[in-house]
Amino acid sequence: MLAYFVLLLAVLSRILPHAFHAVSWNFTALGGGLLFFGSRMAGSRRAAWMLPTALAVLMATDYYLTVFAYGYPFQVRTYLVTWLWYAAVCLLGMGILQKPTLLRVAAGVLASSTSFFLISNFVVWTAGSMSMYPHSLAGLGACYIAGLPFYRNDLVSTALTAGALFGLPVLAARIVDSLRTARHANLPLA
């Protein structure tokens, strides 16, 4: 259930900036949320349904944002790579974050943000006649340079989200353990 709540927060982090006319540069809970969602898929009896459900929710979000927030016609083919990326990040979370460690979370954050940056900018560059960038190495470089602020914000937001989702439970467990230890240390011996 927590995984679906995190998915809802990730979706809201994409929609609410548009609803309040406060659009940021790709500062969302999506990457960290997908890593967390994926980590919960592995141990779940409902794992076979979790990924398709998450993809359906994210596809609907992309449709809503494209048509209503951006005012563009929706074309499925323009989102196929993005939807594959959503699935890949969930599977990455399922693979390396079943037993999260600081190193694994950091690797997941870096892999998800960097892969999205590299893939999405490459797709923008190859967008045929719709591309703003010439089909040359200089055009590809310009496309990646223009995407750097978005990459920075995605990396930071993914790190903050994943850090909170994976780190807060560990912190809470340590606090509980220290309270138990302190309580047992203060008990009189019988």
N, C-alpha and C. Protein backbone atom coordinates (compact mmCIF):
# COMPACT_ATOMS: atom_id res chain seq x y z
N MET A 1 0.82 -1.19 0.00
CA MET A 1 0.00 0.00 0.00
C MET A 1 0.87 1.27 0.00
N LEU A 2 1.97 1.23 0.76
CA LEU A 2 2.87 2.38 0.81
C LEU A 2 3.45 2.68 -0.57
N ALA A 3 3.74 1.65 -1.34
CA ALA A 3 4.29 1.85 -2.69
C ALA A 3 3.33 2.65 -3.56
N TYR A 4 2.04 2.36 -3.47
CA TYR A 4 1.04 3.09 -4.26
C TYR A 4 0.89 4.54 -3.77
N PHE A 5 1.02 4.75 -2.48
CA PHE A 5 0.98 6.11 -1.93
C PHE A 5 2.16 6.92 -2.47
N VAL A 6 3.33 6.30 -2.52
CA VAL A 6 4.52 6.98 -3.06
C VAL A 6 4.32 7.27 -4.55
N LEU A 7 3.72 6.35 -5.27
CA LEU A 7 3.42 6.57 -6.69
C LEU A 7 2.48 7.77 -6.85
N LEU A 8 1.47 7.85 -6.00
CA LEU A 8 0.55 8.97 -6.04
C LEU A 8 1.28 10.29 -5.77
N LEU A 9 2.18 10.30 -4.80
CA LEU A 9 2.96 11.51 -4.52
C LEU A 9 3.84 11.90 -5.71
N ALA A 10 4.41 10.90 -6.38
CA ALA A 10 5.23 11.17 -7.56
C ALA A 10 4.39 11.80 -8.66
N VAL A 11 3.19 11.28 -8.87
CA VAL A 11 2.30 11.83 -9.88
C VAL A 11 1.91 13.27 -9.51
N LEU A 12 1.55 13.48 -8.26
CA LEU A 12 1.17 14.82 -7.81
C LEU A 12 2.32 15.80 -7.94
N SER A 13 3.55 15.33 -7.73
CA SER A 13 4.70 16.22 -7.86
C SER A 13 4.90 16.67 -9.30
N ARG A 14 4.33 15.95 -10.24
CA ARG A 14 4.40 16.35 -11.65
C ARG A 14 3.23 17.24 -12.04
N ILE A 15 2.06 16.99 -11.46
CA ILE A 15 0.84 17.71 -11.86
C ILE A 15 0.68 19.03 -11.12
N LEU A 16 0.92 19.04 -9.82
CA LEU A 16 0.63 20.22 -9.02
C LEU A 16 1.38 21.49 -9.45
N PRO A 17 2.63 21.42 -9.85
CA PRO A 17 3.27 22.67 -10.32
C PRO A 17 2.51 23.32 -11.48
N HIS A 18 1.92 22.51 -12.35
CA HIS A 18 1.14 23.06 -13.47
C HIS A 18 -0.18 23.62 -12.98
N ALA A 19 -0.79 22.95 -12.02
CA ALA A 19 -2.08 23.41 -11.49
C ALA A 19 -1.94 24.75 -10.79
N PHE A 20 -0.79 25.00 -10.17
CA PHE A 20 -0.57 26.25 -9.45
C PHE A 20 0.30 27.24 -10.23
N HIS A 21 0.52 26.93 -11.52
CA HIS A 21 1.31 27.80 -12.39
C HIS A 21 2.68 28.10 -11.79
N ALA A 22 3.26 27.09 -11.20
CA ALA A 22 4.59 27.23 -10.59
C ALA A 22 5.50 26.13 -11.12
N VAL A 23 5.57 26.02 -12.43
CA VAL A 23 6.32 24.94 -13.05
C VAL A 23 7.81 25.12 -12.77
N SER A 24 8.41 24.05 -12.31
CA SER A 24 9.84 24.08 -12.02
C SER A 24 10.60 23.35 -13.13
N TRP A 25 11.86 23.28 -12.99
CA TRP A 25 12.69 22.60 -14.00
C TRP A 25 12.91 21.15 -13.62
N ASN A 26 11.89 20.35 -13.74
CA ASN A 26 12.01 18.91 -13.56
C ASN A 26 12.36 18.52 -12.13
N PHE A 27 11.82 19.23 -11.17
CA PHE A 27 12.05 18.89 -9.76
C PHE A 27 10.83 18.11 -9.28
N THR A 28 10.89 16.78 -9.42
CA THR A 28 9.75 15.93 -9.06
C THR A 28 10.21 14.75 -8.22
N ALA A 29 9.24 14.06 -7.67
CA ALA A 29 9.51 12.86 -6.89
C ALA A 29 9.45 11.60 -7.74
N LEU A 30 9.48 11.75 -9.05
CA LEU A 30 9.27 10.60 -9.93
C LEU A 30 10.39 9.56 -9.86
N GLY A 31 11.64 9.97 -10.05
CA GLY A 31 12.74 9.01 -10.07
C GLY A 31 12.87 8.25 -8.76
N GLY A 32 12.91 8.96 -7.64
CA GLY A 32 13.01 8.31 -6.33
C GLY A 32 11.78 7.48 -6.03
N GLY A 33 10.61 7.97 -6.44
CA GLY A 33 9.37 7.22 -6.23
C GLY A 33 9.35 5.92 -7.01
N LEU A 34 9.83 5.95 -8.25
CA LEU A 34 9.88 4.72 -9.05
C LEU A 34 10.89 3.72 -8.49
N LEU A 35 12.02 4.21 -8.00
CA LEU A 35 12.99 3.30 -7.37
C LEU A 35 12.36 2.64 -6.14
N PHE A 36 11.67 3.42 -5.33
CA PHE A 36 11.01 2.88 -4.14
C PHE A 36 9.90 1.91 -4.53
N PHE A 37 9.08 2.30 -5.49
CA PHE A 37 7.99 1.44 -5.96
C PHE A 37 8.55 0.10 -6.43
N GLY A 38 9.61 0.17 -7.22
CA GLY A 38 10.23 -1.06 -7.71
C GLY A 38 10.78 -1.92 -6.60
N SER A 39 11.35 -1.30 -5.57
CA SER A 39 11.91 -2.07 -4.46
C SER A 39 10.83 -2.83 -3.72
N ARG A 40 9.60 -2.34 -3.75
CA ARG A 40 8.48 -3.00 -3.09
C ARG A 40 7.82 -4.06 -3.96
N MET A 41 8.15 -4.08 -5.24
CA MET A 41 7.57 -5.07 -6.14
C MET A 41 8.12 -6.46 -5.86
N ALA A 42 9.38 -6.56 -5.51
CA ALA A 42 10.04 -7.86 -5.39
C ALA A 42 9.42 -8.74 -4.32
N GLY A 43 9.11 -8.20 -3.18
CA GLY A 43 8.60 -9.01 -2.09
C GLY A 43 7.10 -9.08 -2.03
N SER A 44 6.41 -8.54 -3.02
CA SER A 44 4.96 -8.46 -2.97
C SER A 44 4.31 -9.63 -3.71
N ARG A 45 3.21 -10.10 -3.16
CA ARG A 45 2.43 -11.13 -3.85
C ARG A 45 1.76 -10.55 -5.09
N ARG A 46 1.58 -9.24 -5.09
CA ARG A 46 0.92 -8.57 -6.21
C ARG A 46 1.92 -8.01 -7.22
N ALA A 47 3.14 -8.48 -7.21
CA ALA A 47 4.19 -7.92 -8.07
C ALA A 47 3.81 -7.96 -9.54
N ALA A 48 3.10 -9.00 -9.96
CA ALA A 48 2.72 -9.11 -11.37
C ALA A 48 1.79 -7.99 -11.80
N TRP A 49 1.06 -7.40 -10.86
CA TRP A 49 0.14 -6.33 -11.18
C TRP A 49 0.72 -4.94 -10.91
N MET A 50 1.74 -4.89 -10.10
CA MET A 50 2.25 -3.58 -9.68
C MET A 50 2.85 -2.79 -10.84
N LEU A 51 3.70 -3.41 -11.63
CA LEU A 51 4.34 -2.68 -12.73
C LEU A 51 3.32 -2.21 -13.76
N PRO A 52 2.43 -3.08 -14.24
CA PRO A 52 1.43 -2.57 -15.20
C PRO A 52 0.54 -1.47 -14.62
N THR A 53 0.22 -1.57 -13.34
CA THR A 53 -0.59 -0.53 -12.70
C THR A 53 0.16 0.79 -12.67
N ALA A 54 1.42 0.74 -12.25
CA ALA A 54 2.24 1.96 -12.21
C ALA A 54 2.37 2.57 -13.61
N LEU A 55 2.61 1.73 -14.61
CA LEU A 55 2.75 2.24 -15.97
C LEU A 55 1.45 2.87 -16.46
N ALA A 56 0.32 2.27 -16.15
CA ALA A 56 -0.98 2.83 -16.56
C ALA A 56 -1.20 4.20 -15.92
N VAL A 57 -0.87 4.32 -14.64
CA VAL A 57 -1.03 5.60 -13.94
C VAL A 57 -0.11 6.65 -14.55
N LEU A 58 1.12 6.28 -14.83
CA LEU A 58 2.08 7.24 -15.39
C LEU A 58 1.74 7.60 -16.84
N MET A 59 1.20 6.65 -17.59
CA MET A 59 0.75 6.94 -18.95
C MET A 59 -0.41 7.94 -18.93
N ALA A 60 -1.33 7.73 -18.01
CA ALA A 60 -2.45 8.66 -17.87
C ALA A 60 -1.95 10.05 -17.47
N THR A 61 -0.96 10.09 -16.61
CA THR A 61 -0.38 11.37 -16.20
C THR A 61 0.28 12.06 -17.39
N ASP A 62 1.02 11.31 -18.20
CA ASP A 62 1.64 11.89 -19.39
C ASP A 62 0.58 12.43 -20.36
N TYR A 63 -0.50 11.69 -20.52
CA TYR A 63 -1.58 12.14 -21.38
C TYR A 63 -2.16 13.46 -20.86
N TYR A 64 -2.48 13.47 -19.57
CA TYR A 64 -3.06 14.67 -18.96
C TYR A 64 -2.13 15.88 -19.14
N LEU A 65 -0.86 15.69 -18.80
CA LEU A 65 0.09 16.80 -18.90
C LEU A 65 0.24 17.29 -20.34
N THR A 66 0.35 16.36 -21.27
CA THR A 66 0.54 16.74 -22.67
C THR A 66 -0.66 17.50 -23.22
N VAL A 67 -1.84 16.98 -23.00
CA VAL A 67 -3.04 17.56 -23.59
C VAL A 67 -3.53 18.79 -22.82
N PHE A 68 -3.57 18.68 -21.50
CA PHE A 68 -4.20 19.75 -20.73
C PHE A 68 -3.21 20.78 -20.16
N ALA A 69 -2.05 20.35 -19.72
CA ALA A 69 -1.09 21.31 -19.16
C ALA A 69 -0.26 21.98 -20.25
N TYR A 70 0.18 21.19 -21.26
CA TYR A 70 1.03 21.75 -22.30
C TYR A 70 0.24 22.18 -23.54
N GLY A 71 -0.96 21.62 -23.71
CA GLY A 71 -1.80 21.99 -24.86
C GLY A 71 -1.33 21.41 -26.18
N TYR A 72 -0.66 20.26 -26.16
CA TYR A 72 -0.19 19.62 -27.38
C TYR A 72 -1.04 18.40 -27.69
N PRO A 73 -1.08 18.00 -28.96
CA PRO A 73 -1.77 16.74 -29.27
C PRO A 73 -0.95 15.57 -28.72
N PHE A 74 -1.62 14.55 -28.27
CA PHE A 74 -0.94 13.40 -27.68
C PHE A 74 -0.61 12.39 -28.77
N GLN A 75 0.67 12.00 -28.83
CA GLN A 75 1.11 10.98 -29.78
C GLN A 75 1.85 9.90 -29.01
N VAL A 76 1.31 8.71 -29.02
CA VAL A 76 1.86 7.60 -28.25
C VAL A 76 3.33 7.38 -28.57
N ARG A 77 3.69 7.44 -29.82
CA ARG A 77 5.07 7.12 -30.22
C ARG A 77 6.10 8.04 -29.57
N THR A 78 5.69 9.24 -29.21
CA THR A 78 6.64 10.16 -28.59
C THR A 78 6.91 9.79 -27.13
N TYR A 79 6.09 8.93 -26.56
CA TYR A 79 6.26 8.56 -25.16
C TYR A 79 6.77 7.14 -24.94
N LEU A 80 6.92 6.37 -25.99
CA LEU A 80 7.32 4.97 -25.81
C LEU A 80 8.63 4.82 -25.05
N VAL A 81 9.61 5.64 -25.39
CA VAL A 81 10.91 5.57 -24.71
C VAL A 81 10.75 5.94 -23.24
N THR A 82 9.95 6.95 -22.96
CA THR A 82 9.71 7.37 -21.57
C THR A 82 9.05 6.25 -20.78
N TRP A 83 8.07 5.61 -21.37
CA TRP A 83 7.37 4.53 -20.67
C TRP A 83 8.29 3.33 -20.43
N LEU A 84 9.16 3.06 -21.38
CA LEU A 84 10.15 2.00 -21.16
C LEU A 84 11.10 2.39 -20.03
N TRP A 85 11.43 3.67 -19.96
CA TRP A 85 12.30 4.15 -18.87
C TRP A 85 11.61 3.97 -17.53
N TYR A 86 10.31 4.30 -17.44
CA TYR A 86 9.57 4.09 -16.19
C TYR A 86 9.70 2.64 -15.73
N ALA A 87 9.46 1.72 -16.66
CA ALA A 87 9.53 0.29 -16.32
C ALA A 87 10.95 -0.09 -15.91
N ALA A 88 11.94 0.41 -16.63
CA ALA A 88 13.34 0.08 -16.32
C ALA A 88 13.74 0.56 -14.93
N VAL A 89 13.29 1.76 -14.53
CA VAL A 89 13.64 2.28 -13.21
C VAL A 89 12.95 1.45 -12.12
N CYS A 90 11.71 1.05 -12.36
CA CYS A 90 11.04 0.15 -11.40
C CYS A 90 11.80 -1.16 -11.27
N LEU A 91 12.22 -1.71 -12.39
CA LEU A 91 12.97 -2.97 -12.36
C LEU A 91 14.34 -2.78 -11.72
N LEU A 92 14.95 -1.62 -11.93
CA LEU A 92 16.22 -1.31 -11.26
C LEU A 92 16.01 -1.30 -9.74
N GLY A 93 14.96 -0.63 -9.30
CA GLY A 93 14.64 -0.62 -7.87
C GLY A 93 14.35 -2.00 -7.35
N MET A 94 13.67 -2.80 -8.13
CA MET A 94 13.38 -4.18 -7.73
C MET A 94 14.66 -5.00 -7.63
N GLY A 95 15.60 -4.74 -8.52
CA GLY A 95 16.83 -5.52 -8.56
C GLY A 95 17.83 -5.15 -7.48
N ILE A 96 18.08 -3.86 -7.29
CA ILE A 96 19.17 -3.50 -6.38
C ILE A 96 18.72 -2.95 -5.04
N LEU A 97 17.43 -2.63 -4.91
CA LEU A 97 17.01 -1.96 -3.68
C LEU A 97 16.08 -2.80 -2.80
N GLN A 98 16.05 -4.12 -3.02
CA GLN A 98 15.30 -4.97 -2.11
C GLN A 98 15.90 -4.88 -0.71
N LYS A 99 17.21 -4.82 -0.68
CA LYS A 99 17.95 -4.64 0.57
C LYS A 99 18.78 -3.38 0.41
N PRO A 100 18.16 -2.23 0.66
CA PRO A 100 18.86 -0.98 0.36
C PRO A 100 20.04 -0.70 1.28
N THR A 101 21.08 -0.20 0.69
CA THR A 101 22.23 0.34 1.42
C THR A 101 22.47 1.73 0.85
N LEU A 102 23.28 2.49 1.51
CA LEU A 102 23.58 3.84 1.02
C LEU A 102 24.17 3.78 -0.38
N LEU A 103 25.09 2.84 -0.61
CA LEU A 103 25.72 2.72 -1.92
C LEU A 103 24.71 2.32 -2.99
N ARG A 104 23.82 1.39 -2.68
CA ARG A 104 22.82 0.95 -3.66
C ARG A 104 21.83 2.06 -3.99
N VAL A 105 21.40 2.79 -2.98
CA VAL A 105 20.48 3.91 -3.23
C VAL A 105 21.18 4.96 -4.08
N ALA A 106 22.40 5.30 -3.75
CA ALA A 106 23.15 6.29 -4.53
C ALA A 106 23.33 5.81 -5.97
N ALA A 107 23.63 4.54 -6.16
CA ALA A 107 23.78 4.00 -7.52
C ALA A 107 22.45 4.05 -8.27
N GLY A 108 21.36 3.73 -7.60
CA GLY A 108 20.04 3.81 -8.23
C GLY A 108 19.68 5.22 -8.62
N VAL A 109 19.97 6.18 -7.75
CA VAL A 109 19.70 7.59 -8.04
C VAL A 109 20.51 8.04 -9.25
N LEU A 110 21.79 7.75 -9.23
CA LEU A 110 22.66 8.16 -10.32
C LEU A 110 22.25 7.48 -11.63
N ALA A 111 21.96 6.19 -11.58
CA ALA A 111 21.58 5.46 -12.79
C ALA A 111 20.25 5.96 -13.35
N SER A 112 19.27 6.19 -12.50
CA SER A 112 17.97 6.62 -13.02
C SER A 112 18.02 8.03 -13.59
N SER A 113 18.61 8.96 -12.87
CA SER A 113 18.66 10.35 -13.36
C SER A 113 19.52 10.47 -14.61
N THR A 114 20.68 9.83 -14.59
CA THR A 114 21.59 9.93 -15.73
C THR A 114 21.00 9.25 -16.97
N SER A 115 20.39 8.09 -16.78
CA SER A 115 19.79 7.41 -17.94
C SER A 115 18.67 8.24 -18.54
N PHE A 116 17.84 8.87 -17.69
CA PHE A 116 16.78 9.71 -18.23
C PHE A 116 17.35 10.90 -19.00
N PHE A 117 18.36 11.52 -18.44
CA PHE A 117 19.01 12.65 -19.11
C PHE A 117 19.56 12.24 -20.47
N LEU A 118 20.31 11.15 -20.50
CA LEU A 118 20.94 10.72 -21.76
C LEU A 118 19.90 10.29 -22.79
N ILE A 119 18.93 9.50 -22.36
CA ILE A 119 17.93 8.97 -23.30
C ILE A 119 16.99 10.06 -23.78
N SER A 120 16.45 10.86 -22.87
CA SER A 120 15.45 11.85 -23.27
C SER A 120 16.05 12.92 -24.17
N ASN A 121 17.26 13.36 -23.88
CA ASN A 121 17.88 14.36 -24.74
C ASN A 121 18.25 13.79 -26.10
N PHE A 122 18.66 12.53 -26.13
CA PHE A 122 18.95 11.90 -27.42
C PHE A 122 17.68 11.82 -28.26
N VAL A 123 16.57 11.46 -27.63
CA VAL A 123 15.29 11.38 -28.35
C VAL A 123 14.88 12.76 -28.86
N VAL A 124 15.07 13.79 -28.05
CA VAL A 124 14.76 15.15 -28.50
C VAL A 124 15.62 15.50 -29.72
N TRP A 125 16.89 15.16 -29.67
CA TRP A 125 17.80 15.47 -30.77
C TRP A 125 17.40 14.73 -32.05
N THR A 126 16.91 13.50 -31.92
CA THR A 126 16.55 12.70 -33.10
C THR A 126 15.11 12.93 -33.55
N ALA A 127 14.44 13.92 -33.03
CA ALA A 127 13.00 14.11 -33.28
C ALA A 127 12.66 14.47 -34.73
N GLY A 128 13.55 14.19 -35.62
CA GLY A 128 13.26 14.44 -37.04
C GLY A 128 13.16 15.92 -37.33
N SER A 129 12.19 16.29 -38.15
CA SER A 129 12.05 17.70 -38.54
C SER A 129 11.55 18.57 -37.39
N MET A 130 11.05 17.94 -36.33
CA MET A 130 10.56 18.70 -35.17
C MET A 130 11.69 19.09 -34.23
N SER A 131 12.88 18.55 -34.42
CA SER A 131 13.98 18.83 -33.51
C SER A 131 14.44 20.28 -33.62
N MET A 132 14.76 20.86 -32.48
CA MET A 132 15.30 22.22 -32.44
C MET A 132 16.80 22.21 -32.73
N TYR A 133 17.41 21.04 -32.78
CA TYR A 133 18.86 20.92 -32.87
C TYR A 133 19.24 20.26 -34.18
N PRO A 134 20.29 20.78 -34.84
CA PRO A 134 20.74 20.15 -36.09
C PRO A 134 21.25 18.73 -35.83
N HIS A 135 21.09 17.89 -36.81
CA HIS A 135 21.53 16.51 -36.69
C HIS A 135 23.02 16.40 -36.98
N SER A 136 23.79 16.87 -36.02
CA SER A 136 25.25 16.82 -36.08
C SER A 136 25.75 16.62 -34.65
N LEU A 137 27.04 16.36 -34.51
CA LEU A 137 27.59 16.22 -33.15
C LEU A 137 27.44 17.52 -32.36
N ALA A 138 27.58 18.65 -33.05
CA ALA A 138 27.40 19.94 -32.38
C ALA A 138 25.96 20.10 -31.92
N GLY A 139 25.01 19.67 -32.74
CA GLY A 139 23.60 19.74 -32.36
C GLY A 139 23.30 18.84 -31.18
N LEU A 140 23.87 17.63 -31.17
CA LEU A 140 23.68 16.72 -30.05
C LEU A 140 24.29 17.31 -28.78
N GLY A 141 25.48 17.88 -28.92
CA GLY A 141 26.11 18.52 -27.76
C GLY A 141 25.29 19.68 -27.23
N ALA A 142 24.73 20.48 -28.14
CA ALA A 142 23.89 21.61 -27.72
C ALA A 142 22.64 21.12 -27.01
N CYS A 143 22.09 20.02 -27.48
CA CYS A 143 20.90 19.44 -26.86
C CYS A 143 21.21 19.00 -25.43
N TYR A 144 22.33 18.32 -25.25
CA TYR A 144 22.72 17.87 -23.90
C TYR A 144 23.05 19.06 -23.00
N ILE A 145 23.71 20.06 -23.53
CA ILE A 145 24.04 21.25 -22.72
C ILE A 145 22.76 21.95 -22.26
N ALA A 146 21.79 22.06 -23.17
CA ALA A 146 20.52 22.70 -22.81
C ALA A 146 19.78 21.91 -21.73
N GLY A 147 20.01 20.60 -21.68
CA GLY A 147 19.33 19.76 -20.70
C GLY A 147 20.00 19.70 -19.34
N LEU A 148 21.19 20.28 -19.20
CA LEU A 148 21.93 20.20 -17.93
C LEU A 148 21.16 20.76 -16.71
N PRO A 149 20.48 21.90 -16.82
CA PRO A 149 19.72 22.36 -15.64
C PRO A 149 18.62 21.39 -15.23
N PHE A 150 17.98 20.76 -16.20
CA PHE A 150 16.95 19.78 -15.90
C PHE A 150 17.57 18.55 -15.25
N TYR A 151 18.72 18.13 -15.75
CA TYR A 151 19.43 16.98 -15.18
C TYR A 151 19.82 17.26 -13.73
N ARG A 152 20.36 18.44 -13.48
CA ARG A 152 20.75 18.81 -12.11
C ARG A 152 19.55 18.71 -11.17
N ASN A 153 18.43 19.31 -11.57
CA ASN A 153 17.25 19.29 -10.70
C ASN A 153 16.67 17.89 -10.56
N ASP A 154 16.72 17.10 -11.63
CA ASP A 154 16.24 15.72 -11.53
C ASP A 154 17.13 14.92 -10.60
N LEU A 155 18.42 15.10 -10.70
CA LEU A 155 19.36 14.39 -9.83
C LEU A 155 19.13 14.76 -8.36
N VAL A 156 18.97 16.04 -8.09
CA VAL A 156 18.74 16.49 -6.71
C VAL A 156 17.39 15.99 -6.20
N SER A 157 16.34 16.12 -7.00
CA SER A 157 15.02 15.68 -6.53
C SER A 157 14.96 14.17 -6.36
N THR A 158 15.60 13.43 -7.23
CA THR A 158 15.63 11.97 -7.10
C THR A 158 16.42 11.57 -5.85
N ALA A 159 17.54 12.25 -5.61
CA ALA A 159 18.33 11.95 -4.41
C ALA A 159 17.57 12.28 -3.13
N LEU A 160 16.90 13.42 -3.11
CA LEU A 160 16.12 13.79 -1.92
C LEU A 160 14.97 12.82 -1.68
N THR A 161 14.26 12.48 -2.75
CA THR A 161 13.12 11.57 -2.61
C THR A 161 13.59 10.18 -2.19
N ALA A 162 14.57 9.63 -2.89
CA ALA A 162 15.07 8.30 -2.55
C ALA A 162 15.71 8.30 -1.17
N GLY A 163 16.44 9.35 -0.85
CA GLY A 163 17.05 9.45 0.48
C GLY A 163 16.01 9.41 1.58
N ALA A 164 14.92 10.15 1.38
CA ALA A 164 13.85 10.16 2.38
C ALA A 164 13.14 8.81 2.44
N LEU A 165 12.80 8.26 1.28
CA LEU A 165 12.03 7.01 1.25
C LEU A 165 12.81 5.81 1.79
N PHE A 166 14.10 5.77 1.51
CA PHE A 166 14.90 4.64 1.99
C PHE A 166 15.60 4.95 3.30
N GLY A 167 15.89 6.22 3.56
CA GLY A 167 16.65 6.59 4.76
C GLY A 167 15.81 6.78 6.01
N LEU A 168 14.63 7.36 5.87
CA LEU A 168 13.81 7.63 7.06
C LEU A 168 13.42 6.36 7.82
N PRO A 169 13.04 5.27 7.15
CA PRO A 169 12.75 4.04 7.90
C PRO A 169 13.97 3.51 8.67
N VAL A 170 15.15 3.65 8.09
CA VAL A 170 16.38 3.22 8.77
C VAL A 170 16.63 4.10 9.98
N LEU A 171 16.46 5.39 9.81
CA LEU A 171 16.62 6.32 10.92
C LEU A 171 15.62 6.04 12.03
N ALA A 172 14.37 5.80 11.67
CA ALA A 172 13.34 5.49 12.67
C ALA A 172 13.68 4.21 13.42
N ALA A 173 14.15 3.19 12.72
CA ALA A 173 14.52 1.94 13.38
C ALA A 173 15.67 2.14 14.34
N ARG A 174 16.63 2.95 13.96
CA ARG A 174 17.76 3.22 14.86
C ARG A 174 17.32 4.00 16.09
N ILE A 175 16.41 4.93 15.92
CA ILE A 175 15.90 5.68 17.07
C ILE A 175 15.16 4.74 18.02
N VAL A 176 14.32 3.87 17.47
CA VAL A 176 13.59 2.90 18.31
C VAL A 176 14.57 2.00 19.03
N ASP A 177 15.58 1.51 18.35
CA ASP A 177 16.59 0.65 18.98
C ASP A 177 17.33 1.38 20.10
N SER A 178 17.68 2.63 19.86
CA SER A 178 18.39 3.37 20.90
C SER A 178 17.48 3.65 22.09
N LEU A 179 16.21 3.87 21.85
CA LEU A 179 15.27 4.06 22.97
C LEU A 179 15.09 2.77 23.77
N ARG A 180 15.02 1.65 23.06
CA ARG A 180 14.93 0.36 23.75
C ARG A 180 16.17 0.10 24.58
N THR A 181 17.33 0.37 24.02
CA THR A 181 18.59 0.16 24.72
C THR A 181 18.64 1.05 25.95
N ALA A 182 18.23 2.30 25.79
CA ALA A 182 18.24 3.23 26.93
C ALA A 182 17.25 2.79 27.99
N ARG A 183 16.10 2.31 27.60
CA ARG A 183 15.10 1.85 28.55
C ARG A 183 15.58 0.62 29.31
N HIS A 184 16.20 -0.31 28.58
CA HIS A 184 16.72 -1.52 29.24
C HIS A 184 17.89 -1.19 30.15
N ALA A 185 18.68 -0.20 29.81
CA ALA A 185 19.82 0.19 30.64
C ALA A 185 19.36 0.82 31.95
N ASN A 186 18.19 1.43 31.95
CA ASN A 186 17.69 2.10 33.15
C ASN A 186 16.79 1.20 34.01
N LEU A 187 16.53 -0.01 33.56
CA LEU A 187 15.69 -0.92 34.36
C LEU A 187 16.49 -1.45 35.56
N PRO A 188 15.86 -1.49 36.73
CA PRO A 188 16.58 -2.06 37.89
C PRO A 188 16.73 -3.57 37.71
N LEU A 189 17.82 -4.10 38.20
CA LEU A 189 18.05 -5.53 38.15
C LEU A 189 17.21 -6.22 39.21
N ALA A 190 16.59 -7.32 38.87
CA ALA A 190 15.73 -8.04 39.83
C ALA A 190 16.47 -9.14 40.52
